[in-house]
Amino acid sequence: MDWQAWHEKYDSPDSRMSRRLRTVQDQIRTVLDNSRPGPFQVVSLCAGQGRDLLEVLTDHPRRSDVRARLVELDGNNTAVAAEFARANTLDQIEIVTGDASLTDQYHGMVPADLVLICGLFGNISDADIKRTIDTCPQLCAIGGHVIWTRHRRSPDRVPLICEQFEALGFQQCRLSGDDTELGVGVHRFSGEPQPLENGRSMFRFVGYDRLAN
C-alpha cells in the first residue's frame, strides 16, 4: 500500500475521507477549547501525515500549550508531517518514524490529555482493537480524551468499540451516527491511569484491504 498516495484522498473536499478529517479536527478543537489551561500533551498512534492535529494547531490559540508525539511507521508520511511542522513553527511537536504499536514509543508523553487513534481500528483485527483499547488507561490521563475512528461497514464494530471503552471507565462524549460510513468517536477517561507497561505490543497492522479478504 502506498500510504502517501492514500493520503491524497484528503485533498478532495467532498470525499468521505476529507469529511472525516474535518470531523476529527472539529473534535480536537472542542477538546482543546474545553480543557484546563496550561500544558497539554497529545500522543497519536499511526499518525500518518499528522494532518488531524497539525492543521488544527496552525491557528489555534492554545498551540503553544500543546506538546505532542506523533508516531508513524511510513517514512514518507513522517517526512511530510515534519516539513509541515517546521513550516508552521510547531517546534514542540515530535514526529517519530517507528512502530506505533509499541508502548515504549510513548514514554515521557503519557498519561496524555489527548490520545488520537485515527485510521487504525479499521486496519487491525478485533482482538487487537480490544488490546489497544485495553492499553488506553496507560496512555490517557484522568479527564483526558481519546478520539478514534472506524468505518461502519458490515460487520459494524463501532458498538463493540464503545462497549470496550466504557468497560474501562471511558465515558462517551460524541459518536457519529450510524448513517455515516466513516465513524468518529470521542471518549473521556474518568478511571485510574495505569503505569505504562514496557515492551507491550498493542496491535499488528494488517491493512483494511487484507482484512476484507
Protein backbone atom coordinates (compact mmCIF):
# COMPACT_ATOMS: atom_id res chain seq x y z
CA MET A 1 0.00 0.00 0.00
CA ASP A 2 1.31 3.45 -0.95
CA TRP A 3 0.17 5.31 2.16
CA GLN A 4 1.41 8.67 0.93
CA ALA A 5 -0.79 8.35 -2.17
CA TRP A 6 -3.64 7.16 0.06
CA HIS A 7 -3.47 10.47 1.94
CA GLU A 8 -4.24 12.34 -1.27
CA LYS A 9 -7.90 11.44 -0.70
CA TYR A 10 -7.93 14.12 1.97
CA ASP A 11 -7.32 16.78 -0.67
CA SER A 12 -10.73 16.26 -2.28
CA PRO A 13 -13.11 18.47 -0.24
CA ASP A 14 -16.16 16.32 -0.94
CA SER A 15 -14.58 12.94 -0.27
CA ARG A 16 -15.60 10.81 2.70
CA MET A 17 -12.03 10.93 3.97
CA SER A 18 -11.98 14.72 3.85
CA ARG A 19 -15.28 14.90 5.73
CA ARG A 20 -13.97 12.52 8.38
CA LEU A 21 -10.78 14.57 8.74
CA ARG A 22 -12.82 17.74 9.30
CA THR A 23 -14.92 15.94 11.91
CA VAL A 24 -11.84 14.76 13.78
CA GLN A 25 -10.33 18.25 13.62
CA ASP A 26 -13.54 19.76 14.99
CA GLN A 27 -13.39 17.35 17.93
CA ILE A 28 -9.73 18.18 18.59
CA ARG A 29 -10.65 21.87 18.70
CA THR A 30 -13.53 21.15 21.07
CA VAL A 31 -11.28 19.19 23.43
CA LEU A 32 -8.64 21.94 23.39
CA ASP A 33 -11.22 24.68 23.89
CA ASN A 34 -12.76 22.96 26.90
CA SER A 35 -9.65 21.65 28.65
CA ARG A 36 -7.96 23.24 31.63
CA PRO A 37 -5.37 25.99 30.97
CA GLY A 38 -1.70 25.10 30.87
CA PRO A 39 0.42 22.39 29.24
CA PHE A 40 -1.49 19.88 27.12
CA GLN A 41 0.04 16.58 25.99
CA VAL A 42 -1.02 14.58 22.93
CA VAL A 43 0.02 11.22 21.54
CA SER A 44 -1.07 9.97 18.11
CA LEU A 45 -0.90 6.28 17.10
CA CYS A 46 -0.29 5.55 13.41
CA ALA A 47 -0.38 9.29 12.83
CA GLY A 48 0.11 9.26 9.07
CA GLN A 49 0.92 12.80 7.96
CA GLY A 50 -0.48 14.20 11.20
CA ARG A 51 -2.96 16.44 9.42
CA ASP A 52 -5.68 15.98 12.02
CA LEU A 53 -3.64 17.63 14.79
CA LEU A 54 -1.10 19.74 12.90
CA GLU A 55 -3.63 21.62 10.78
CA VAL A 56 -5.63 22.48 13.92
CA LEU A 57 -2.57 23.82 15.71
CA THR A 58 -1.56 26.22 12.93
CA ASP A 59 -4.07 28.82 14.13
CA HIS A 60 -5.42 27.55 17.45
CA PRO A 61 -4.95 29.98 20.36
CA ARG A 62 -3.59 27.18 22.53
CA ARG A 63 -0.97 25.97 20.07
CA SER A 64 1.89 26.95 22.40
CA ASP A 65 0.38 24.84 25.21
CA VAL A 66 0.44 21.65 23.16
CA ARG A 67 3.31 19.18 23.27
CA ALA A 68 2.75 16.12 21.12
CA ARG A 69 4.36 12.95 19.84
CA LEU A 70 3.12 11.57 16.51
CA VAL A 71 4.26 8.01 15.78
CA GLU A 72 4.07 6.60 12.26
CA LEU A 73 6.00 3.79 10.54
CA ASP A 74 5.91 5.14 6.97
CA GLY A 75 8.91 7.41 6.49
CA ASN A 76 7.40 9.27 3.54
CA ASN A 77 4.44 10.31 5.67
CA THR A 78 6.56 11.36 8.63
CA ALA A 79 8.67 13.47 6.28
CA VAL A 80 5.53 15.30 5.14
CA ALA A 81 4.45 15.78 8.76
CA ALA A 82 7.87 17.04 9.85
CA GLU A 83 8.04 19.53 6.98
CA PHE A 84 4.56 20.84 7.81
CA ALA A 85 5.53 21.24 11.48
CA ARG A 86 8.72 23.10 10.54
CA ALA A 87 6.91 25.38 8.08
CA ASN A 88 4.40 26.33 10.77
CA THR A 89 6.96 26.63 13.61
CA LEU A 90 5.35 23.82 15.59
CA ASP A 91 8.66 23.09 17.27
CA GLN A 92 7.10 21.33 20.26
CA ILE A 93 5.67 18.53 18.09
CA GLU A 94 7.76 15.35 17.88
CA ILE A 95 7.42 13.35 14.67
CA VAL A 96 8.67 9.80 15.23
CA THR A 97 9.25 7.27 12.46
CA GLY A 98 8.67 3.98 14.21
CA ASP A 99 6.31 1.19 15.20
CA ALA A 100 3.29 2.85 16.80
CA SER A 101 2.12 -0.45 18.28
CA LEU A 102 4.92 -0.47 20.87
CA THR A 103 4.21 1.13 24.24
CA ASP A 104 7.87 2.17 24.53
CA GLN A 105 7.24 4.84 21.88
CA TYR A 106 5.14 6.84 24.35
CA HIS A 107 7.46 7.03 27.35
CA GLY A 108 7.66 10.56 28.70
CA MET A 109 4.44 11.65 26.98
CA VAL A 110 1.83 9.71 28.93
CA PRO A 111 -0.55 9.93 30.61
CA ALA A 112 -1.67 12.27 27.83
CA ASP A 113 -4.54 14.76 27.75
CA LEU A 114 -5.49 13.59 24.26
CA VAL A 115 -4.89 10.23 22.58
CA LEU A 116 -5.55 10.07 18.84
CA ILE A 117 -6.34 6.65 17.35
CA CYS A 118 -7.48 7.68 13.89
CA GLY A 119 -7.33 5.37 10.89
CA LEU A 120 -6.19 2.38 12.96
CA PHE A 121 -9.20 0.34 14.08
CA GLY A 122 -10.23 -0.45 10.50
CA ASN A 123 -6.79 -1.91 9.80
CA ILE A 124 -6.36 -4.36 12.69
CA SER A 125 -8.12 -7.46 13.96
CA ASP A 126 -10.94 -7.42 16.52
CA ALA A 127 -8.60 -8.92 19.11
CA ASP A 128 -6.06 -6.15 18.51
CA ILE A 129 -8.75 -3.47 18.70
CA LYS A 130 -9.54 -4.77 22.18
CA ARG A 131 -5.84 -4.99 23.11
CA THR A 132 -5.31 -1.38 22.01
CA ILE A 133 -8.33 -0.13 23.96
CA ASP A 134 -7.18 -2.14 26.99
CA THR A 135 -3.90 -0.18 26.84
CA CYS A 136 -5.62 3.23 26.75
CA PRO A 137 -5.71 3.59 30.58
CA GLN A 138 -1.91 3.52 30.34
CA LEU A 139 -1.92 6.28 27.73
CA CYS A 140 -4.68 8.64 28.88
CA ALA A 141 -4.78 11.00 31.87
CA ILE A 142 -7.78 11.32 34.17
CA GLY A 143 -10.18 13.64 32.37
CA GLY A 144 -8.28 13.15 29.13
CA HIS A 145 -9.89 12.17 25.86
CA VAL A 146 -9.47 9.52 23.19
CA ILE A 147 -10.58 10.43 19.67
CA TRP A 148 -10.86 7.38 17.42
CA THR A 149 -12.23 6.41 14.03
CA ARG A 150 -13.61 3.23 12.48
CA HIS A 151 -15.64 2.57 9.36
CA ARG A 152 -19.21 1.35 9.86
CA ARG A 153 -19.33 -1.20 7.07
CA SER A 154 -20.51 -4.69 7.97
CA PRO A 155 -19.53 -6.06 10.38
CA ASP A 156 -20.00 -2.76 12.26
CA ARG A 157 -17.57 -2.85 15.19
CA VAL A 158 -18.38 0.66 16.47
CA PRO A 159 -20.89 -0.52 19.14
CA LEU A 160 -18.35 -3.07 20.40
CA ILE A 161 -15.60 -0.43 20.50
CA CYS A 162 -17.85 1.82 22.59
CA GLU A 163 -18.63 -1.03 24.99
CA GLN A 164 -14.95 -1.80 25.40
CA PHE A 165 -14.05 1.81 26.19
CA GLU A 166 -16.92 2.19 28.63
CA ALA A 167 -15.97 -1.00 30.48
CA LEU A 168 -12.63 0.66 31.29
CA GLY A 169 -14.07 3.90 32.69
CA PHE A 170 -14.31 5.93 29.49
CA GLN A 171 -17.48 7.98 29.03
CA GLN A 172 -18.82 8.56 25.53
CA CYS A 173 -18.80 12.26 24.62
CA ARG A 174 -19.53 12.06 20.93
CA LEU A 175 -20.30 9.42 18.32
CA SER A 176 -21.17 9.97 14.68
CA GLY A 177 -24.46 8.48 13.53
CA ASP A 178 -24.76 5.01 12.06
CA ASP A 179 -25.77 6.59 8.76
CA THR A 180 -22.15 7.77 8.37
CA GLU A 181 -19.83 5.18 6.84
CA LEU A 182 -16.68 6.59 8.45
CA GLY A 183 -17.41 6.86 12.17
CA VAL A 184 -15.71 9.19 14.67
CA GLY A 185 -15.93 8.64 18.42
CA VAL A 186 -14.77 10.64 21.44
CA HIS A 187 -14.43 9.11 24.91
CA ARG A 188 -13.37 10.83 28.15
CA PHE A 189 -11.41 8.90 30.76
CA SER A 190 -12.74 9.00 34.31
CA GLY A 191 -10.93 5.92 35.57
CA GLU A 192 -7.50 5.50 37.13
CA PRO A 193 -4.44 5.73 34.85
CA GLN A 194 -2.21 2.67 34.86
CA PRO A 195 1.59 2.60 34.65
CA LEU A 196 2.91 2.19 31.14
CA GLU A 197 3.91 -1.42 30.56
CA ASN A 198 7.32 -1.72 28.94
CA GLY A 199 7.69 -3.73 25.76
CA ARG A 200 3.97 -4.22 25.15
CA SER A 201 2.71 -4.57 21.58
CA MET A 202 -0.85 -3.30 21.20
CA PHE A 203 -1.60 -4.48 17.68
CA ARG A 204 -0.35 -5.85 14.39
CA PHE A 205 -1.19 -3.56 11.48
CA VAL A 206 -2.82 -5.79 8.86
CA GLY A 207 -4.42 -3.28 6.45
CA TYR A 208 -8.07 -2.87 5.57
CA ASP A 209 -7.57 -4.48 2.15
CA ARG A 210 -6.18 -7.68 3.66
CA LEU A 211 -8.81 -7.77 6.39
CA ALA A 212 -11.53 -7.53 3.74
CA ASN A 213 -10.12 -10.65 2.10
